[in-house]
């Protein structure tokens, strides 16, 4: 699943290509994605100009000069491509935005878990945005804040970090990685995480995400940057997808377990 670094990579690429460009036409499929496309979406945005793209958590937002905002969520397998000529659409191409100067934004999603929404009023009142906790890279996400939320929780730390209402932007890949870096087992309950560990965890989350953004995201499964290039962060992954490989710190074999339908990878010796 594209996570915060991958979505930030998309946002940065869109910023270079689409800012101050007028929407000439839009194609979108009739079936929709995870949810149907917004009612009369095409008619409501054609003729509008895209302003500076932004990101909130895993959501990419395209503000329009009409004060509307197009919200994109890439789901499990969604990709955004920026093209300089109109493509021949395939079965998994669900939206094509035609901008002036022959620029095309193509949304492809084989598994159809992504979605598109149109924000008409205040952003914070949007049904998706209002559920989010502070973003992982924001000043509001601190060790003190995180400890205040987890200190009484029976849930395991892995599920807590994946909860977008607690912290926005993290997904399975980076949660596995940061728990390894911080030496915390994905099975440990929130109430058993000390204040010091929470401070270290938050510090490592921010450092890991910034590093991944710098490298262009991961190459996990079929994530591509909008220019068609693969990200480069995969080579630095320490535990994700490394089942039965030797831990590079202690030499023990990396284990895998299922937690809430997600695979967790960890070292039984380095993570307690």
C-alpha atoms as a PDB file:
ATOM      1  CA  UNK A   1       0.000   0.000   0.000  1.00  0.00           C
ATOM      2  CA  UNK A   2       1.335   3.449  -0.833  1.00  0.00           C
ATOM      3  CA  UNK A   3       2.091   5.090   2.507  1.00  0.00           C
ATOM      4  CA  UNK A   4       3.017   8.638   3.492  1.00  0.00           C
ATOM      5  CA  UNK A   5       6.403   8.708   1.665  1.00  0.00           C
ATOM      6  CA  UNK A   6       4.915   7.321  -1.551  1.00  0.00           C
ATOM      7  CA  UNK A   7       2.008   9.780  -1.473  1.00  0.00           C
ATOM      8  CA  UNK A   8       4.423  12.637  -0.767  1.00  0.00           C
ATOM      9  CA  UNK A   9       6.436  11.539  -3.807  1.00  0.00           C
ATOM     10  CA  UNK A  10       3.250  11.739  -5.876  1.00  0.00           C
ATOM     11  CA  UNK A  11       2.412  15.169  -4.451  1.00  0.00           C
ATOM     12  CA  UNK A  12       5.839  16.577  -5.263  1.00  0.00           C
ATOM     13  CA  UNK A  13       5.679  15.294  -8.827  1.00  0.00           C
ATOM     14  CA  UNK A  14       2.180  16.705  -9.305  1.00  0.00           C
ATOM     15  CA  UNK A  15       3.309  20.068  -7.968  1.00  0.00           C
ATOM     16  CA  UNK A  16       5.920  20.317 -10.706  1.00  0.00           C
ATOM     17  CA  UNK A  17       3.508  19.363 -13.489  1.00  0.00           C
ATOM     18  CA  UNK A  18      -0.028  20.563 -12.771  1.00  0.00           C
ATOM     19  CA  UNK A  19       0.076  23.759 -10.717  1.00  0.00           C
ATOM     20  CA  UNK A  20      -1.986  26.558 -12.318  1.00  0.00           C
ATOM     21  CA  UNK A  21      -3.189  24.243 -15.100  1.00  0.00           C
ATOM     22  CA  UNK A  22      -6.846  24.282 -16.163  1.00  0.00           C
ATOM     23  CA  UNK A  23      -8.880  21.061 -16.287  1.00  0.00           C
ATOM     24  CA  UNK A  24     -10.021  20.570 -19.887  1.00  0.00           C
ATOM     25  CA  UNK A  25     -11.747  17.210 -19.595  1.00  0.00           C
ATOM     26  CA  UNK A  26     -12.104  14.210 -17.279  1.00  0.00           C
ATOM     27  CA  UNK A  27     -12.800  10.549 -17.906  1.00  0.00           C
ATOM     28  CA  UNK A  28     -13.767   8.240 -15.093  1.00  0.00           C
ATOM     29  CA  UNK A  29     -15.249   4.762 -15.074  1.00  0.00           C
ATOM     30  CA  UNK A  30     -18.869   4.114 -14.170  1.00  0.00           C
ATOM     31  CA  UNK A  31     -18.123   1.468 -11.552  1.00  0.00           C
ATOM     32  CA  UNK A  32     -16.142   3.726  -9.273  1.00  0.00           C
ATOM     33  CA  UNK A  33     -13.385   2.454  -7.027  1.00  0.00           C
ATOM     34  CA  UNK A  34     -13.858   1.644  -3.324  1.00  0.00           C
ATOM     35  CA  UNK A  35     -16.643   4.241  -3.482  1.00  0.00           C
ATOM     36  CA  UNK A  36     -18.496   5.709  -6.476  1.00  0.00           C
ATOM     37  CA  UNK A  37     -17.044   8.830  -8.042  1.00  0.00           C
ATOM     38  CA  UNK A  38     -18.614  12.048  -6.685  1.00  0.00           C
ATOM     39  CA  UNK A  39     -21.983  13.006  -8.153  1.00  0.00           C
ATOM     40  CA  UNK A  40     -21.514  14.959 -11.400  1.00  0.00           C
ATOM     41  CA  UNK A  41     -17.785  15.037 -10.694  1.00  0.00           C
ATOM     42  CA  UNK A  42     -16.851  15.832 -14.276  1.00  0.00           C
ATOM     43  CA  UNK A  43     -19.273  18.736 -14.635  1.00  0.00           C
ATOM     44  CA  UNK A  44     -18.254  20.214 -11.281  1.00  0.00           C
ATOM     45  CA  UNK A  45     -14.513  20.467 -11.969  1.00  0.00           C
ATOM     46  CA  UNK A  46     -14.065  20.994 -15.723  1.00  0.00           C
ATOM     47  CA  UNK A  47     -12.850  24.530 -16.366  1.00  0.00           C
ATOM     48  CA  UNK A  48     -11.342  24.864 -12.899  1.00  0.00           C
ATOM     49  CA  UNK A  49      -7.611  25.472 -12.332  1.00  0.00           C
ATOM     50  CA  UNK A  50      -5.459  23.271 -10.098  1.00  0.00           C
ATOM     51  CA  UNK A  51      -3.492  25.144  -7.440  1.00  0.00           C
ATOM     52  CA  UNK A  52      -0.570  23.840  -5.350  1.00  0.00           C
ATOM     53  CA  UNK A  53      -1.093  20.135  -4.469  1.00  0.00           C
ATOM     54  CA  UNK A  54      -0.976  19.182  -0.780  1.00  0.00           C
ATOM     55  CA  UNK A  55      -0.944  16.015   1.284  1.00  0.00           C
ATOM     56  CA  UNK A  56      -2.652  14.999   4.525  1.00  0.00           C
ATOM     57  CA  UNK A  57      -1.536  11.597   5.809  1.00  0.00           C
ATOM     58  CA  UNK A  58      -2.016   9.201   2.891  1.00  0.00           C
ATOM     59  CA  UNK A  59      -4.341  11.571   1.026  1.00  0.00           C
ATOM     60  CA  UNK A  60      -3.209  13.719  -1.887  1.00  0.00           C
ATOM     61  CA  UNK A  61      -5.252  16.896  -2.308  1.00  0.00           C
ATOM     62  CA  UNK A  62      -5.564  18.997  -5.463  1.00  0.00           C
ATOM     63  CA  UNK A  63      -7.011  22.408  -4.507  1.00  0.00           C
ATOM     64  CA  UNK A  64      -8.935  24.210  -7.250  1.00  0.00           C
ATOM     65  CA  UNK A  65      -9.366  27.942  -7.820  1.00  0.00           C
ATOM     66  CA  UNK A  66     -13.072  27.442  -7.075  1.00  0.00           C
ATOM     67  CA  UNK A  67     -12.159  26.540  -3.450  1.00  0.00           C
ATOM     68  CA  UNK A  68     -13.132  22.930  -4.167  1.00  0.00           C
ATOM     69  CA  UNK A  69     -10.521  20.227  -3.593  1.00  0.00           C
ATOM     70  CA  UNK A  70     -10.042  16.895  -5.340  1.00  0.00           C
ATOM     71  CA  UNK A  71      -9.038  14.245  -2.806  1.00  0.00           C
ATOM     72  CA  UNK A  72      -7.129  11.168  -3.993  1.00  0.00           C
ATOM     73  CA  UNK A  73      -6.506   8.010  -1.984  1.00  0.00           C
ATOM     74  CA  UNK A  74      -4.379   5.329  -3.649  1.00  0.00           C
ATOM     75  CA  UNK A  75      -5.676   2.388  -1.616  1.00  0.00           C
ATOM     76  CA  UNK A  76      -3.665  -0.828  -1.849  1.00  0.00           C
ATOM     77  CA  UNK A  77      -2.366  -0.668  -5.409  1.00  0.00           C
ATOM     78  CA  UNK A  78      -3.187   2.752  -6.820  1.00  0.00           C
ATOM     79  CA  UNK A  79      -0.706   4.658  -8.966  1.00  0.00           C
ATOM     80  CA  UNK A  80      -0.712   8.148 -10.437  1.00  0.00           C
ATOM     81  CA  UNK A  81       1.101   8.779 -13.718  1.00  0.00           C
ATOM     82  CA  UNK A  82       1.793  12.138 -15.346  1.00  0.00           C
ATOM     83  CA  UNK A  83       1.825  11.883 -19.136  1.00  0.00           C
ATOM     84  CA  UNK A  84       2.423  14.256 -22.046  1.00  0.00           C
ATOM     85  CA  UNK A  85       0.078  12.511 -24.474  1.00  0.00           C
ATOM     86  CA  UNK A  86      -3.315  10.882 -24.152  1.00  0.00           C
ATOM     87  CA  UNK A  87      -2.899   7.188 -23.308  1.00  0.00           C
ATOM     88  CA  UNK A  88      -4.906   4.236 -24.489  1.00  0.00           C
ATOM     89  CA  UNK A  89      -6.830   3.275 -21.367  1.00  0.00           C
ATOM     90  CA  UNK A  90      -6.623  -0.232 -19.945  1.00  0.00           C
ATOM     91  CA  UNK A  91      -8.978  -2.193 -17.696  1.00  0.00           C
ATOM     92  CA  UNK A  92      -7.370  -0.857 -14.523  1.00  0.00           C
ATOM     93  CA  UNK A  93      -7.266   2.812 -15.568  1.00  0.00           C
ATOM     94  CA  UNK A  94     -10.118   4.474 -13.692  1.00  0.00           C
ATOM     95  CA  UNK A  95      -9.613   8.213 -14.092  1.00  0.00           C
ATOM     96  CA  UNK A  96      -7.877  10.453 -16.614  1.00  0.00           C
ATOM     97  CA  UNK A  97      -7.657  14.210 -16.082  1.00  0.00           C
ATOM     98  CA  UNK A  98      -6.815  16.192 -19.221  1.00  0.00           C
ATOM     99  CA  UNK A  99      -5.135  19.508 -18.405  1.00  0.00           C
ATOM    100  CA  UNK A 100      -4.181  22.360 -20.681  1.00  0.00           C
ATOM    101  CA  UNK A 101      -0.818  22.136 -22.461  1.00  0.00           C
ATOM    102  CA  UNK A 102      -1.367  18.413 -23.159  1.00  0.00           C
ATOM    103  CA  UNK A 103      -0.804  17.192 -19.613  1.00  0.00           C
ATOM    104  CA  UNK A 104      -2.637  14.084 -18.428  1.00  0.00           C
ATOM    105  CA  UNK A 105      -3.030  12.673 -14.921  1.00  0.00           C
ATOM    106  CA  UNK A 106      -3.832   8.958 -15.026  1.00  0.00           C
ATOM    107  CA  UNK A 107      -5.118   7.054 -11.983  1.00  0.00           C
ATOM    108  CA  UNK A 108      -4.628   3.287 -12.185  1.00  0.00           C
ATOM    109  CA  UNK A 109      -5.824   0.911  -9.485  1.00  0.00           C
ATOM    110  CA  UNK A 110      -5.954  -2.856 -10.188  1.00  0.00           C
ATOM    111  CA  UNK A 111      -7.445  -3.750  -6.797  1.00  0.00           C
ATOM    112  CA  UNK A 112      -9.896  -0.813  -6.691  1.00  0.00           C
ATOM    113  CA  UNK A 113      -9.309   0.031  -3.024  1.00  0.00           C
ATOM    114  CA  UNK A 114      -8.495   3.663  -3.751  1.00  0.00           C
ATOM    115  CA  UNK A 115     -11.082   6.396  -4.199  1.00  0.00           C
ATOM    116  CA  UNK A 116     -11.672   9.973  -5.313  1.00  0.00           C
ATOM    117  CA  UNK A 117     -13.706  12.566  -3.427  1.00  0.00           C
ATOM    118  CA  UNK A 118     -14.561  16.205  -4.022  1.00  0.00           C
ATOM    119  CA  UNK A 119     -14.392  18.524  -1.007  1.00  0.00           C
ATOM    120  CA  UNK A 120     -16.820  21.419  -1.319  1.00  0.00           C
ATOM    121  CA  UNK A 121     -16.756  22.986   2.155  1.00  0.00           C
ATOM    122  CA  UNK A 122     -14.211  23.148   4.931  1.00  0.00           C
ATOM    123  CA  UNK A 123     -11.530  20.508   4.581  1.00  0.00           C
ATOM    124  CA  UNK A 124     -11.627  19.517   8.246  1.00  0.00           C
ATOM    125  CA  UNK A 125     -15.316  18.620   7.871  1.00  0.00           C
ATOM    126  CA  UNK A 126     -14.702  16.102   5.100  1.00  0.00           C
ATOM    127  CA  UNK A 127     -15.849  12.641   6.186  1.00  0.00           C
ATOM    128  CA  UNK A 128     -12.403  11.147   5.517  1.00  0.00           C
ATOM    129  CA  UNK A 129     -10.175  13.946   6.811  1.00  0.00           C
ATOM    130  CA  UNK A 130     -12.026  14.541  10.061  1.00  0.00           C
ATOM    131  CA  UNK A 131     -11.270  10.996  11.229  1.00  0.00           C
ATOM    132  CA  UNK A 132      -7.514  11.510  11.075  1.00  0.00           C
ATOM    133  CA  UNK A 133      -5.190  12.019  14.017  1.00  0.00           C
ATOM    134  CA  UNK A 134      -2.103  14.242  13.760  1.00  0.00           C
ATOM    135  CA  UNK A 135       0.127  13.484  10.801  1.00  0.00           C
ATOM    136  CA  UNK A 136       3.239  11.467  11.567  1.00  0.00           C
ATOM    137  CA  UNK A 137       5.550  14.290  10.427  1.00  0.00           C
ATOM    138  CA  UNK A 138       3.635  17.089  12.135  1.00  0.00           C
ATOM    139  CA  UNK A 139       4.682  18.977  15.255  1.00  0.00           C
ATOM    140  CA  UNK A 140       1.521  17.689  16.940  1.00  0.00           C
ATOM    141  CA  UNK A 141       2.764  14.099  16.853  1.00  0.00           C
ATOM    142  CA  UNK A 142       5.067  13.954  19.852  1.00  0.00           C
ATOM    143  CA  UNK A 143       6.270  11.329  22.290  1.00  0.00           C
ATOM    144  CA  UNK A 144       4.180  12.902  25.048  1.00  0.00           C
ATOM    145  CA  UNK A 145       1.041  12.873  22.885  1.00  0.00           C
ATOM    146  CA  UNK A 146       1.597   9.283  21.815  1.00  0.00           C
ATOM    147  CA  UNK A 147       2.254   8.066  25.353  1.00  0.00           C
ATOM    148  CA  UNK A 148      -0.957   9.737  26.584  1.00  0.00           C
ATOM    149  CA  UNK A 149      -2.946   7.651  24.096  1.00  0.00           C
ATOM    150  CA  UNK A 150      -1.223   4.275  24.468  1.00  0.00           C
ATOM    151  CA  UNK A 151      -0.468   4.066  28.196  1.00  0.00           C
ATOM    152  CA  UNK A 152      -3.795   2.402  29.018  1.00  0.00           C
ATOM    153  CA  UNK A 153      -4.371   0.438  25.825  1.00  0.00           C
ATOM    154  CA  UNK A 154      -4.574  -3.354  25.734  1.00  0.00           C
ATOM    155  CA  UNK A 155      -4.133  -3.329  21.957  1.00  0.00           C
ATOM    156  CA  UNK A 156      -0.776  -4.292  20.495  1.00  0.00           C
ATOM    157  CA  UNK A 157       1.515  -1.485  19.388  1.00  0.00           C
ATOM    158  CA  UNK A 158       1.340  -2.563  15.737  1.00  0.00           C
ATOM    159  CA  UNK A 159      -2.431  -2.034  15.537  1.00  0.00           C
ATOM    160  CA  UNK A 160      -2.131   1.276  17.411  1.00  0.00           C
ATOM    161  CA  UNK A 161       0.379   2.673  14.923  1.00  0.00           C
ATOM    162  CA  UNK A 162      -1.785   1.585  11.989  1.00  0.00           C
ATOM    163  CA  UNK A 163      -4.818   3.384  13.436  1.00  0.00           C
ATOM    164  CA  UNK A 164      -5.136   6.545  11.327  1.00  0.00           C
ATOM    165  CA  UNK A 165      -7.229   8.226  14.029  1.00  0.00           C
ATOM    166  CA  UNK A 166      -4.171   8.090  16.321  1.00  0.00           C
ATOM    167  CA  UNK A 167      -1.478   9.002  13.816  1.00  0.00           C
ATOM    168  CA  UNK A 168      -2.032   9.627  10.103  1.00  0.00           C
ATOM    169  CA  UNK A 169       0.222   8.353   7.337  1.00  0.00           C
ATOM    170  CA  UNK A 170       1.737   5.117   8.616  1.00  0.00           C
ATOM    171  CA  UNK A 171       1.151   1.741   6.986  1.00  0.00           C
ATOM    172  CA  UNK A 172       2.353  -1.815   7.363  1.00  0.00           C
ATOM    173  CA  UNK A 173       5.773  -1.369   5.752  1.00  0.00           C
ATOM    174  CA  UNK A 174       7.040   1.531   7.819  1.00  0.00           C
ATOM    175  CA  UNK A 175       5.432   0.319  11.054  1.00  0.00           C
ATOM    176  CA  UNK A 176       7.322  -2.977  10.759  1.00  0.00           C
ATOM    177  CA  UNK A 177      10.533  -1.099  10.093  1.00  0.00           C
ATOM    178  CA  UNK A 178      10.250   1.460  12.868  1.00  0.00           C
ATOM    179  CA  UNK A 179       9.334  -1.150  15.485  1.00  0.00           C
ATOM    180  CA  UNK A 180      12.517  -3.004  14.573  1.00  0.00           C
ATOM    181  CA  UNK A 181      14.626   0.163  14.715  1.00  0.00           C
ATOM    182  CA  UNK A 182      13.184   1.017  18.126  1.00  0.00           C
ATOM    183  CA  UNK A 183      13.499  -2.546  19.469  1.00  0.00           C
ATOM    184  CA  UNK A 184       9.793  -3.050  20.182  1.00  0.00           C
ATOM    185  CA  UNK A 185       7.952  -6.282  19.432  1.00  0.00           C
ATOM    186  CA  UNK A 186       4.809  -5.805  17.322  1.00  0.00           C
ATOM    187  CA  UNK A 187       3.060  -8.006  19.908  1.00  0.00           C
ATOM    188  CA  UNK A 188       3.735  -5.714  22.863  1.00  0.00           C
ATOM    189  CA  UNK A 189       0.653  -4.036  24.330  1.00  0.00           C
ATOM    190  CA  UNK A 190       0.407  -0.272  24.256  1.00  0.00           C
ATOM    191  CA  UNK A 191       0.155  -0.061  28.031  1.00  0.00           C
ATOM    192  CA  UNK A 192       3.578  -1.713  28.285  1.00  0.00           C
ATOM    193  CA  UNK A 193       5.366   0.941  26.210  1.00  0.00           C
ATOM    194  CA  UNK A 194       7.280   3.371  28.432  1.00  0.00           C
ATOM    195  CA  UNK A 195       7.347   7.133  27.987  1.00  0.00           C
ATOM    196  CA  UNK A 196      11.010   6.930  26.957  1.00  0.00           C
ATOM    197  CA  UNK A 197      10.187   4.295  24.328  1.00  0.00           C
ATOM    198  CA  UNK A 198       7.352   6.485  23.010  1.00  0.00           C
ATOM    199  CA  UNK A 199       9.762   9.391  22.575  1.00  0.00           C
ATOM    200  CA  UNK A 200      12.240   7.131  20.760  1.00  0.00           C
ATOM    201  CA  UNK A 201       9.499   5.630  18.617  1.00  0.00           C
ATOM    202  CA  UNK A 202       8.182   9.013  17.483  1.00  0.00           C
ATOM    203  CA  UNK A 203      11.719  10.245  16.765  1.00  0.00           C
ATOM    204  CA  UNK A 204      12.448   7.134  14.675  1.00  0.00           C
ATOM    205  CA  UNK A 205       9.130   7.371  12.810  1.00  0.00           C
ATOM    206  CA  UNK A 206       9.903  10.906  11.671  1.00  0.00           C
ATOM    207  CA  UNK A 207      13.482  10.048  10.679  1.00  0.00           C
ATOM    208  CA  UNK A 208      12.411   6.929   8.761  1.00  0.00           C
ATOM    209  CA  UNK A 209       9.653   8.707   6.843  1.00  0.00           C
ATOM    210  CA  UNK A 210      11.911  11.625   5.910  1.00  0.00           C
ATOM    211  CA  UNK A 211      14.568   9.189   4.698  1.00  0.00           C
ATOM    212  CA  UNK A 212      12.018   7.312   2.600  1.00  0.00           C
ATOM    213  CA  UNK A 213      10.713  10.546   1.076  1.00  0.00           C
ATOM    214  CA  UNK A 214      14.261  11.507   0.159  1.00  0.00           C
ATOM    215  CA  UNK A 215      14.788   8.154  -1.553  1.00  0.00           C
ATOM    216  CA  UNK A 216      11.477   8.276  -3.444  1.00  0.00           C
ATOM    217  CA  UNK A 217       9.386   5.775  -1.508  1.00  0.00           C
ATOM    218  CA  UNK A 218       9.602   1.993  -1.666  1.00  0.00           C
ATOM    219  CA  UNK A 219       9.397  -0.372  -4.615  1.00  0.00           C
ATOM    220  CA  UNK A 220       7.111  -2.785  -2.743  1.00  0.00           C
ATOM    221  CA  UNK A 221       4.754  -4.612  -5.119  1.00  0.00           C
ATOM    222  CA  UNK A 222       3.823  -2.248  -7.944  1.00  0.00           C
ATOM    223  CA  UNK A 223       4.321   1.237  -6.553  1.00  0.00           C
ATOM    224  CA  UNK A 224       5.788   3.631  -9.090  1.00  0.00           C
ATOM    225  CA  UNK A 225       6.630   7.276  -8.900  1.00  0.00           C
ATOM    226  CA  UNK A 226       4.553   9.420 -11.283  1.00  0.00           C
ATOM    227  CA  UNK A 227       7.465   9.643 -13.732  1.00  0.00           C
ATOM    228  CA  UNK A 228       7.467   5.845 -14.029  1.00  0.00           C
ATOM    229  CA  UNK A 229      10.617   5.307 -11.959  1.00  0.00           C
ATOM    230  CA  UNK A 230      10.757   2.938  -9.031  1.00  0.00           C
ATOM    231  CA  UNK A 231      11.563   4.226  -5.575  1.00  0.00           C
ATOM    232  CA  UNK A 232      14.906   3.327  -4.017  1.00  0.00           C
ATOM    233  CA  UNK A 233      14.066   2.800  -0.361  1.00  0.00           C
ATOM    234  CA  UNK A 234      13.437  -0.933  -0.668  1.00  0.00           C
ATOM    235  CA  UNK A 235      17.143  -1.704  -0.500  1.00  0.00           C
ATOM    236  CA  UNK A 236      17.241  -0.233   3.010  1.00  0.00           C
ATOM    237  CA  UNK A 237      14.343  -2.249   4.463  1.00  0.00           C
ATOM    238  CA  UNK A 238      15.572  -4.222   7.452  1.00  0.00           C
ATOM    239  CA  UNK A 239      12.743  -6.639   8.297  1.00  0.00           C
ATOM    240  CA  UNK A 240       9.773  -6.127   5.979  1.00  0.00           C
ATOM    241  CA  UNK A 241       9.494  -9.143   3.676  1.00  0.00           C
ATOM    242  CA  UNK A 242      12.636 -10.690   5.183  1.00  0.00           C
ATOM    243  CA  UNK A 243      11.087 -13.846   6.678  1.00  0.00           C
ATOM    244  CA  UNK A 244      13.775 -16.426   7.594  1.00  0.00           C
ATOM    245  CA  UNK A 245      16.546 -14.016   6.609  1.00  0.00           C
ATOM    246  CA  UNK A 246      19.196 -13.332   9.229  1.00  0.00           C
ATOM    247  CA  UNK A 247      18.757 -10.219  11.350  1.00  0.00           C
ATOM    248  CA  UNK A 248      21.618  -7.934  10.339  1.00  0.00           C
ATOM    249  CA  UNK A 249      22.182  -7.022  13.997  1.00  0.00           C
ATOM    250  CA  UNK A 250      22.118 -10.353  15.858  1.00  0.00           C
ATOM    251  CA  UNK A 251      21.945 -13.056  13.178  1.00  0.00           C
ATOM    252  CA  UNK A 252      18.672 -14.584  14.419  1.00  0.00           C
ATOM    253  CA  UNK A 253      16.126 -15.426  11.731  1.00  0.00           C
ATOM    254  CA  UNK A 254      13.393 -12.872  11.062  1.00  0.00           C
ATOM    255  CA  UNK A 255       9.955 -14.194  12.024  1.00  0.00           C
ATOM    256  CA  UNK A 256       6.539 -13.441  10.583  1.00  0.00           C
ATOM    257  CA  UNK A 257       3.097 -13.510  12.181  1.00  0.00           C
ATOM    258  CA  UNK A 258      -0.372 -12.333  11.207  1.00  0.00           C
ATOM    259  CA  UNK A 259      -1.949  -9.445  13.112  1.00  0.00           C
ATOM    260  CA  UNK A 260      -5.377  -8.168  12.094  1.00  0.00           C
ATOM    261  CA  UNK A 261      -4.910  -9.626   8.629  1.00  0.00           C
ATOM    262  CA  UNK A 262      -1.520  -7.924   8.139  1.00  0.00           C
ATOM    263  CA  UNK A 263       1.846  -9.652   8.151  1.00  0.00           C
ATOM    264  CA  UNK A 264       4.280  -8.540  10.830  1.00  0.00           C
ATOM    265  CA  UNK A 265       8.018  -9.138  10.458  1.00  0.00           C
ATOM    266  CA  UNK A 266      10.304  -8.927  13.477  1.00  0.00           C
ATOM    267  CA  UNK A 267      13.415 -10.233  15.215  1.00  0.00           C
ATOM    268  CA  UNK A 268      12.560 -12.220  18.340  1.00  0.00           C
ATOM    269  CA  UNK A 269      15.874 -11.286  19.943  1.00  0.00           C
ATOM    270  CA  UNK A 270      16.248  -7.584  19.107  1.00  0.00           C
ATOM    271  CA  UNK A 271      12.589  -6.715  19.639  1.00  0.00           C
ATOM    272  CA  UNK A 272      11.071  -7.311  23.073  1.00  0.00           C
END
